[in-house]
Amino acid sequence: MKSSRVLIVAASAVAASFAVASNAFAAEPGTPASVLAMNQKPKGDSVSITYVFVPKDGTLAIYSGDPANRAHAKLLGKAVLPHGDHRNVSIKLNGEPKMGERLWAVIEGTSGKPFTNADGPAEQSFKVL
């Protein structure tokens, strides 16, 4: 009887340590929006974005063109993302980009405006290989 109580206490301690460890990787409240995109060869008509953190529900949009001239940017595809961190997000594109073309991934709010941080919009440019 005594050994089963010890086992239950030990199992509870292990379970609690896993809960604490998994929360250690969660983003802190107030963490700014961020995106990490690597140069890549598209897989069919999709690109993969390595990491995205969305502080509030929004979208991850992929554009072609010059990020400095948004009026001439062409939306190639987007995905709705709930708040939180996301890894290896696949975005289906409308058409295949050309080799050497620069694309950029932008995190946008539900209003369609980019999330902005202290250093500007939450975006990352990458090259099609």
N, C-alpha and C. Protein backbone atom coordinates (compact mmCIF):
# COMPACT_ATOMS: atom_id res chain seq x y z
N MET A 1 0.82 -1.18 0.00
CA MET A 1 0.00 0.00 0.00
C MET A 1 0.87 1.25 0.00
N LYS A 2 1.91 1.21 0.84
CA LYS A 2 2.79 2.36 0.95
C LYS A 2 3.56 2.59 -0.36
N SER A 3 3.98 1.53 -1.02
CA SER A 3 4.73 1.68 -2.27
C SER A 3 3.86 2.24 -3.39
N SER A 4 2.56 1.94 -3.39
CA SER A 4 1.67 2.49 -4.42
C SER A 4 1.49 3.99 -4.21
N ARG A 5 1.48 4.47 -2.97
CA ARG A 5 1.38 5.91 -2.69
C ARG A 5 2.64 6.62 -3.18
N VAL A 6 3.79 6.02 -2.94
CA VAL A 6 5.05 6.60 -3.39
C VAL A 6 5.06 6.68 -4.92
N LEU A 7 4.60 5.63 -5.57
CA LEU A 7 4.55 5.59 -7.02
C LEU A 7 3.62 6.68 -7.56
N ILE A 8 2.47 6.87 -6.93
CA ILE A 8 1.52 7.90 -7.36
C ILE A 8 2.13 9.28 -7.19
N VAL A 9 2.77 9.54 -6.08
CA VAL A 9 3.42 10.83 -5.84
C VAL A 9 4.53 11.07 -6.86
N ALA A 10 5.32 10.05 -7.13
CA ALA A 10 6.41 10.18 -8.11
C ALA A 10 5.85 10.44 -9.51
N ALA A 11 4.80 9.74 -9.88
CA ALA A 11 4.18 9.93 -11.20
C ALA A 11 3.61 11.35 -11.32
N SER A 12 3.02 11.84 -10.26
CA SER A 12 2.48 13.21 -10.27
C SER A 12 3.58 14.24 -10.44
N ALA A 13 4.71 14.01 -9.77
CA ALA A 13 5.84 14.94 -9.89
C ALA A 13 6.40 14.96 -11.32
N VAL A 14 6.49 13.79 -11.93
CA VAL A 14 6.98 13.71 -13.32
C VAL A 14 6.01 14.42 -14.26
N ALA A 15 4.71 14.20 -14.10
CA ALA A 15 3.71 14.84 -14.95
C ALA A 15 3.78 16.36 -14.80
N ALA A 16 3.94 16.84 -13.58
CA ALA A 16 4.03 18.28 -13.35
C ALA A 16 5.28 18.87 -14.00
N SER A 17 6.39 18.14 -13.97
CA SER A 17 7.61 18.65 -14.58
C SER A 17 7.46 18.75 -16.09
N PHE A 18 6.73 17.81 -16.73
CA PHE A 18 6.48 17.91 -18.17
C PHE A 18 5.63 19.13 -18.50
N ALA A 19 4.64 19.42 -17.67
CA ALA A 19 3.78 20.58 -17.89
C ALA A 19 4.60 21.86 -17.80
N VAL A 20 5.48 21.95 -16.83
CA VAL A 20 6.33 23.14 -16.68
C VAL A 20 7.28 23.26 -17.86
N ALA A 21 7.87 22.16 -18.29
CA ALA A 21 8.82 22.20 -19.41
C ALA A 21 8.14 22.61 -20.70
N SER A 22 6.92 22.13 -20.97
CA SER A 22 6.25 22.50 -22.21
C SER A 22 5.87 23.97 -22.20
N ASN A 23 5.52 24.53 -21.05
CA ASN A 23 5.20 25.95 -20.97
C ASN A 23 6.43 26.83 -21.12
N ALA A 24 7.60 26.29 -20.88
CA ALA A 24 8.83 27.08 -21.02
C ALA A 24 9.06 27.48 -22.47
N PHE A 25 8.51 26.73 -23.43
CA PHE A 25 8.69 27.04 -24.84
C PHE A 25 7.59 27.93 -25.39
N ALA A 26 6.54 28.20 -24.61
CA ALA A 26 5.45 29.08 -25.06
C ALA A 26 5.93 30.52 -25.04
N ALA A 27 5.43 31.30 -25.99
CA ALA A 27 5.81 32.72 -26.06
C ALA A 27 5.21 33.48 -24.89
N GLU A 28 5.95 34.45 -24.42
CA GLU A 28 5.50 35.31 -23.33
C GLU A 28 4.41 36.25 -23.85
N PRO A 29 3.45 36.64 -22.99
CA PRO A 29 2.47 37.64 -23.41
C PRO A 29 3.20 38.92 -23.83
N GLY A 30 2.75 39.55 -24.88
CA GLY A 30 3.39 40.77 -25.37
C GLY A 30 4.51 40.49 -26.35
N THR A 31 4.76 39.23 -26.68
CA THR A 31 5.79 38.89 -27.66
C THR A 31 5.39 39.45 -29.01
N PRO A 32 6.31 40.13 -29.70
CA PRO A 32 5.96 40.72 -31.00
C PRO A 32 5.78 39.65 -32.08
N ALA A 33 5.02 39.99 -33.10
CA ALA A 33 4.84 39.11 -34.25
C ALA A 33 6.19 38.87 -34.91
N SER A 34 6.43 37.64 -35.37
CA SER A 34 7.69 37.34 -36.04
C SER A 34 7.51 36.24 -37.06
N VAL A 35 8.37 36.27 -38.08
CA VAL A 35 8.32 35.27 -39.14
C VAL A 35 9.75 34.96 -39.58
N LEU A 36 10.01 33.70 -39.85
CA LEU A 36 11.31 33.25 -40.34
C LEU A 36 11.07 32.43 -41.60
N ALA A 37 11.56 32.93 -42.72
CA ALA A 37 11.40 32.25 -44.01
C ALA A 37 12.78 32.07 -44.63
N MET A 38 13.04 30.88 -45.13
CA MET A 38 14.34 30.57 -45.73
C MET A 38 14.21 30.54 -47.25
N ASN A 39 15.33 30.82 -47.95
CA ASN A 39 15.36 30.64 -49.40
C ASN A 39 14.98 29.20 -49.68
N GLN A 40 14.20 28.97 -50.73
CA GLN A 40 13.70 27.62 -50.95
C GLN A 40 13.22 27.38 -52.37
N LYS A 41 13.16 26.11 -52.70
CA LYS A 41 12.56 25.66 -53.94
C LYS A 41 11.13 25.27 -53.57
N PRO A 42 10.12 25.88 -54.21
CA PRO A 42 8.74 25.52 -53.87
C PRO A 42 8.47 24.04 -54.12
N LYS A 43 7.58 23.51 -53.33
CA LYS A 43 7.13 22.12 -53.50
C LYS A 43 5.81 22.19 -54.25
N GLY A 44 5.87 21.98 -55.56
CA GLY A 44 4.67 22.14 -56.38
C GLY A 44 4.27 23.59 -56.39
N ASP A 45 3.07 23.87 -55.91
CA ASP A 45 2.59 25.25 -55.88
C ASP A 45 2.56 25.82 -54.45
N SER A 46 3.42 25.29 -53.57
CA SER A 46 3.44 25.74 -52.18
C SER A 46 4.84 26.10 -51.72
N VAL A 47 4.91 27.04 -50.78
CA VAL A 47 6.16 27.36 -50.10
C VAL A 47 5.97 27.03 -48.62
N SER A 48 7.07 26.84 -47.92
CA SER A 48 7.02 26.51 -46.50
C SER A 48 7.72 27.61 -45.71
N ILE A 49 7.02 28.14 -44.74
CA ILE A 49 7.58 29.18 -43.87
C ILE A 49 8.01 28.50 -42.57
N THR A 50 9.27 28.66 -42.22
CA THR A 50 9.88 27.93 -41.12
C THR A 50 9.21 28.18 -39.77
N TYR A 51 8.98 29.45 -39.44
CA TYR A 51 8.42 29.78 -38.12
C TYR A 51 7.60 31.05 -38.21
N VAL A 52 6.47 31.06 -37.50
CA VAL A 52 5.61 32.24 -37.42
C VAL A 52 5.09 32.35 -36.00
N PHE A 53 5.14 33.56 -35.43
CA PHE A 53 4.45 33.83 -34.17
C PHE A 53 3.44 34.93 -34.44
N VAL A 54 2.18 34.63 -34.14
CA VAL A 54 1.09 35.58 -34.34
C VAL A 54 0.53 35.94 -32.96
N PRO A 55 0.67 37.21 -32.52
CA PRO A 55 0.21 37.58 -31.18
C PRO A 55 -1.32 37.58 -31.04
N LYS A 56 -2.03 37.78 -32.15
CA LYS A 56 -3.50 37.72 -32.20
C LYS A 56 -3.86 36.99 -33.48
N ASP A 57 -5.05 36.44 -33.55
CA ASP A 57 -5.47 35.74 -34.76
C ASP A 57 -5.22 36.63 -35.98
N GLY A 58 -4.76 36.02 -37.07
CA GLY A 58 -4.47 36.78 -38.27
C GLY A 58 -4.19 35.86 -39.45
N THR A 59 -3.41 36.37 -40.39
CA THR A 59 -3.06 35.58 -41.57
C THR A 59 -1.57 35.72 -41.85
N LEU A 60 -1.06 34.74 -42.57
CA LEU A 60 0.29 34.79 -43.09
C LEU A 60 0.12 34.88 -44.60
N ALA A 61 0.56 35.99 -45.19
CA ALA A 61 0.39 36.22 -46.62
C ALA A 61 1.75 36.19 -47.32
N ILE A 62 1.76 35.67 -48.54
CA ILE A 62 2.97 35.63 -49.36
C ILE A 62 2.75 36.57 -50.55
N TYR A 63 3.70 37.49 -50.73
CA TYR A 63 3.64 38.48 -51.82
C TYR A 63 4.87 38.36 -52.70
N SER A 64 4.70 38.79 -53.95
CA SER A 64 5.85 38.96 -54.84
C SER A 64 5.96 40.46 -55.11
N GLY A 65 7.13 40.87 -55.54
CA GLY A 65 7.36 42.29 -55.79
C GLY A 65 8.26 42.88 -54.73
N ASP A 66 8.34 44.18 -54.71
CA ASP A 66 9.21 44.89 -53.79
C ASP A 66 8.44 45.28 -52.53
N PRO A 67 8.87 44.81 -51.35
CA PRO A 67 8.15 45.17 -50.12
C PRO A 67 8.09 46.67 -49.87
N ALA A 68 9.03 47.42 -50.41
CA ALA A 68 9.04 48.87 -50.22
C ALA A 68 7.93 49.54 -51.03
N ASN A 69 7.41 48.86 -52.06
CA ASN A 69 6.37 49.42 -52.91
C ASN A 69 5.14 48.51 -52.85
N ARG A 70 4.44 48.55 -51.74
CA ARG A 70 3.31 47.66 -51.50
C ARG A 70 2.17 47.84 -52.51
N ALA A 71 2.05 49.02 -53.09
CA ALA A 71 0.97 49.26 -54.04
C ALA A 71 1.08 48.34 -55.26
N HIS A 72 2.29 47.91 -55.60
CA HIS A 72 2.49 47.05 -56.77
C HIS A 72 2.74 45.59 -56.39
N ALA A 73 2.57 45.27 -55.12
CA ALA A 73 2.79 43.90 -54.67
C ALA A 73 1.64 43.01 -55.15
N LYS A 74 1.98 41.77 -55.43
CA LYS A 74 0.98 40.81 -55.88
C LYS A 74 0.82 39.73 -54.81
N LEU A 75 -0.40 39.56 -54.32
CA LEU A 75 -0.69 38.52 -53.33
C LEU A 75 -0.67 37.17 -54.03
N LEU A 76 0.18 36.26 -53.55
CA LEU A 76 0.29 34.93 -54.15
C LEU A 76 -0.46 33.86 -53.38
N GLY A 77 -0.65 34.07 -52.08
CA GLY A 77 -1.35 33.09 -51.26
C GLY A 77 -1.35 33.51 -49.81
N LYS A 78 -2.25 32.91 -49.03
CA LYS A 78 -2.28 33.21 -47.60
C LYS A 78 -2.96 32.09 -46.85
N ALA A 79 -2.70 32.07 -45.55
CA ALA A 79 -3.31 31.08 -44.66
C ALA A 79 -3.73 31.78 -43.37
N VAL A 80 -4.89 31.42 -42.88
CA VAL A 80 -5.39 31.94 -41.61
C VAL A 80 -4.67 31.20 -40.49
N LEU A 81 -4.16 31.97 -39.51
CA LEU A 81 -3.46 31.37 -38.37
C LEU A 81 -4.05 31.88 -37.06
N PRO A 82 -4.35 31.00 -36.13
CA PRO A 82 -4.76 31.45 -34.81
C PRO A 82 -3.54 31.98 -34.06
N HIS A 83 -3.79 32.79 -33.02
CA HIS A 83 -2.66 33.33 -32.25
C HIS A 83 -1.79 32.19 -31.73
N GLY A 84 -0.50 32.48 -31.60
CA GLY A 84 0.43 31.48 -31.11
C GLY A 84 1.58 31.25 -32.06
N ASP A 85 2.41 30.26 -31.74
CA ASP A 85 3.55 29.98 -32.62
C ASP A 85 3.25 28.78 -33.51
N HIS A 86 3.79 28.86 -34.72
CA HIS A 86 3.54 27.85 -35.76
C HIS A 86 4.86 27.53 -36.44
N ARG A 87 5.04 26.26 -36.77
CA ARG A 87 6.27 25.82 -37.43
C ARG A 87 5.94 25.13 -38.75
N ASN A 88 6.81 25.37 -39.74
CA ASN A 88 6.67 24.74 -41.06
C ASN A 88 5.27 24.93 -41.64
N VAL A 89 4.89 26.19 -41.79
CA VAL A 89 3.58 26.54 -42.33
C VAL A 89 3.64 26.48 -43.85
N SER A 90 2.81 25.65 -44.44
CA SER A 90 2.77 25.51 -45.90
C SER A 90 1.70 26.47 -46.45
N ILE A 91 2.10 27.27 -47.44
CA ILE A 91 1.19 28.22 -48.07
C ILE A 91 1.05 27.86 -49.54
N LYS A 92 -0.17 27.59 -49.96
CA LYS A 92 -0.43 27.29 -51.37
C LYS A 92 -0.46 28.61 -52.14
N LEU A 93 0.29 28.64 -53.25
CA LEU A 93 0.40 29.85 -54.06
C LEU A 93 -0.51 29.78 -55.28
N ASN A 94 -0.93 30.94 -55.75
CA ASN A 94 -1.68 31.05 -57.00
C ASN A 94 -0.66 31.13 -58.12
N GLY A 95 -0.26 30.01 -58.66
CA GLY A 95 0.78 29.98 -59.69
C GLY A 95 2.13 29.71 -59.07
N GLU A 96 3.08 29.32 -59.92
CA GLU A 96 4.42 29.03 -59.45
C GLU A 96 5.34 30.22 -59.67
N PRO A 97 6.07 30.65 -58.63
CA PRO A 97 7.02 31.74 -58.81
C PRO A 97 8.21 31.28 -59.64
N LYS A 98 8.88 32.23 -60.25
CA LYS A 98 10.05 31.92 -61.09
C LYS A 98 11.30 31.79 -60.23
N MET A 99 12.24 30.95 -60.71
CA MET A 99 13.51 30.80 -60.01
C MET A 99 14.19 32.17 -59.94
N GLY A 100 14.73 32.50 -58.77
CA GLY A 100 15.42 33.76 -58.56
C GLY A 100 14.51 34.88 -58.09
N GLU A 101 13.20 34.67 -58.15
CA GLU A 101 12.24 35.69 -57.72
C GLU A 101 12.28 35.83 -56.20
N ARG A 102 12.13 37.07 -55.72
CA ARG A 102 12.06 37.33 -54.28
C ARG A 102 10.60 37.43 -53.87
N LEU A 103 10.28 36.68 -52.84
CA LEU A 103 8.94 36.73 -52.26
C LEU A 103 9.08 37.24 -50.83
N TRP A 104 7.99 37.61 -50.23
CA TRP A 104 8.07 37.95 -48.82
C TRP A 104 6.82 37.51 -48.10
N ALA A 105 7.03 37.05 -46.88
CA ALA A 105 5.97 36.57 -46.00
C ALA A 105 5.63 37.68 -45.02
N VAL A 106 4.36 38.00 -44.90
CA VAL A 106 3.90 39.09 -44.03
C VAL A 106 2.82 38.56 -43.09
N ILE A 107 2.96 38.88 -41.81
CA ILE A 107 1.94 38.53 -40.84
C ILE A 107 0.97 39.70 -40.77
N GLU A 108 -0.30 39.40 -41.05
CA GLU A 108 -1.32 40.44 -41.07
C GLU A 108 -2.40 40.14 -40.05
N GLY A 109 -3.00 41.21 -39.52
CA GLY A 109 -4.12 41.06 -38.61
C GLY A 109 -5.38 40.72 -39.38
N THR A 110 -6.48 40.51 -38.68
CA THR A 110 -7.73 40.19 -39.34
C THR A 110 -8.23 41.33 -40.21
N SER A 111 -7.74 42.55 -39.97
CA SER A 111 -8.11 43.71 -40.80
C SER A 111 -7.35 43.74 -42.12
N GLY A 112 -6.31 42.91 -42.25
CA GLY A 112 -5.50 42.90 -43.46
C GLY A 112 -4.26 43.78 -43.37
N LYS A 113 -4.14 44.54 -42.29
CA LYS A 113 -2.95 45.38 -42.11
C LYS A 113 -1.85 44.55 -41.47
N PRO A 114 -0.59 44.77 -41.89
CA PRO A 114 0.53 44.02 -41.30
C PRO A 114 0.69 44.34 -39.82
N PHE A 115 1.05 43.32 -39.04
CA PHE A 115 1.46 43.57 -37.66
C PHE A 115 2.77 44.35 -37.73
N THR A 116 2.91 45.35 -36.89
CA THR A 116 4.16 46.09 -36.86
C THR A 116 4.82 45.95 -35.50
N ASN A 117 6.14 45.92 -35.54
CA ASN A 117 6.96 45.84 -34.33
C ASN A 117 7.80 47.11 -34.27
N ALA A 118 8.66 47.19 -33.32
CA ALA A 118 9.51 48.37 -33.16
C ALA A 118 10.34 48.67 -34.41
N ASP A 119 10.72 47.63 -35.17
CA ASP A 119 11.55 47.84 -36.35
C ASP A 119 10.77 47.76 -37.66
N GLY A 120 9.44 47.84 -37.61
CA GLY A 120 8.64 47.86 -38.82
C GLY A 120 7.70 46.67 -38.92
N PRO A 121 7.15 46.44 -40.13
CA PRO A 121 6.20 45.34 -40.32
C PRO A 121 6.83 43.98 -40.02
N ALA A 122 6.01 43.06 -39.53
CA ALA A 122 6.47 41.69 -39.26
C ALA A 122 6.47 40.93 -40.58
N GLU A 123 7.65 40.92 -41.22
CA GLU A 123 7.77 40.29 -42.53
C GLU A 123 9.18 39.77 -42.73
N GLN A 124 9.33 38.87 -43.70
CA GLN A 124 10.63 38.29 -44.02
C GLN A 124 10.65 37.99 -45.50
N SER A 125 11.67 38.46 -46.17
CA SER A 125 11.84 38.20 -47.59
C SER A 125 12.63 36.92 -47.77
N PHE A 126 12.37 36.21 -48.89
CA PHE A 126 13.14 35.01 -49.21
C PHE A 126 13.18 34.84 -50.72
N LYS A 127 14.13 34.04 -51.19
CA LYS A 127 14.37 33.87 -52.60
C LYS A 127 13.91 32.48 -53.05
N VAL A 128 13.33 32.42 -54.24
CA VAL A 128 12.92 31.15 -54.83
C VAL A 128 14.14 30.55 -55.51
N LEU A 129 14.49 29.33 -55.14
CA LEU A 129 15.65 28.65 -55.71
C LEU A 129 15.27 27.77 -56.88
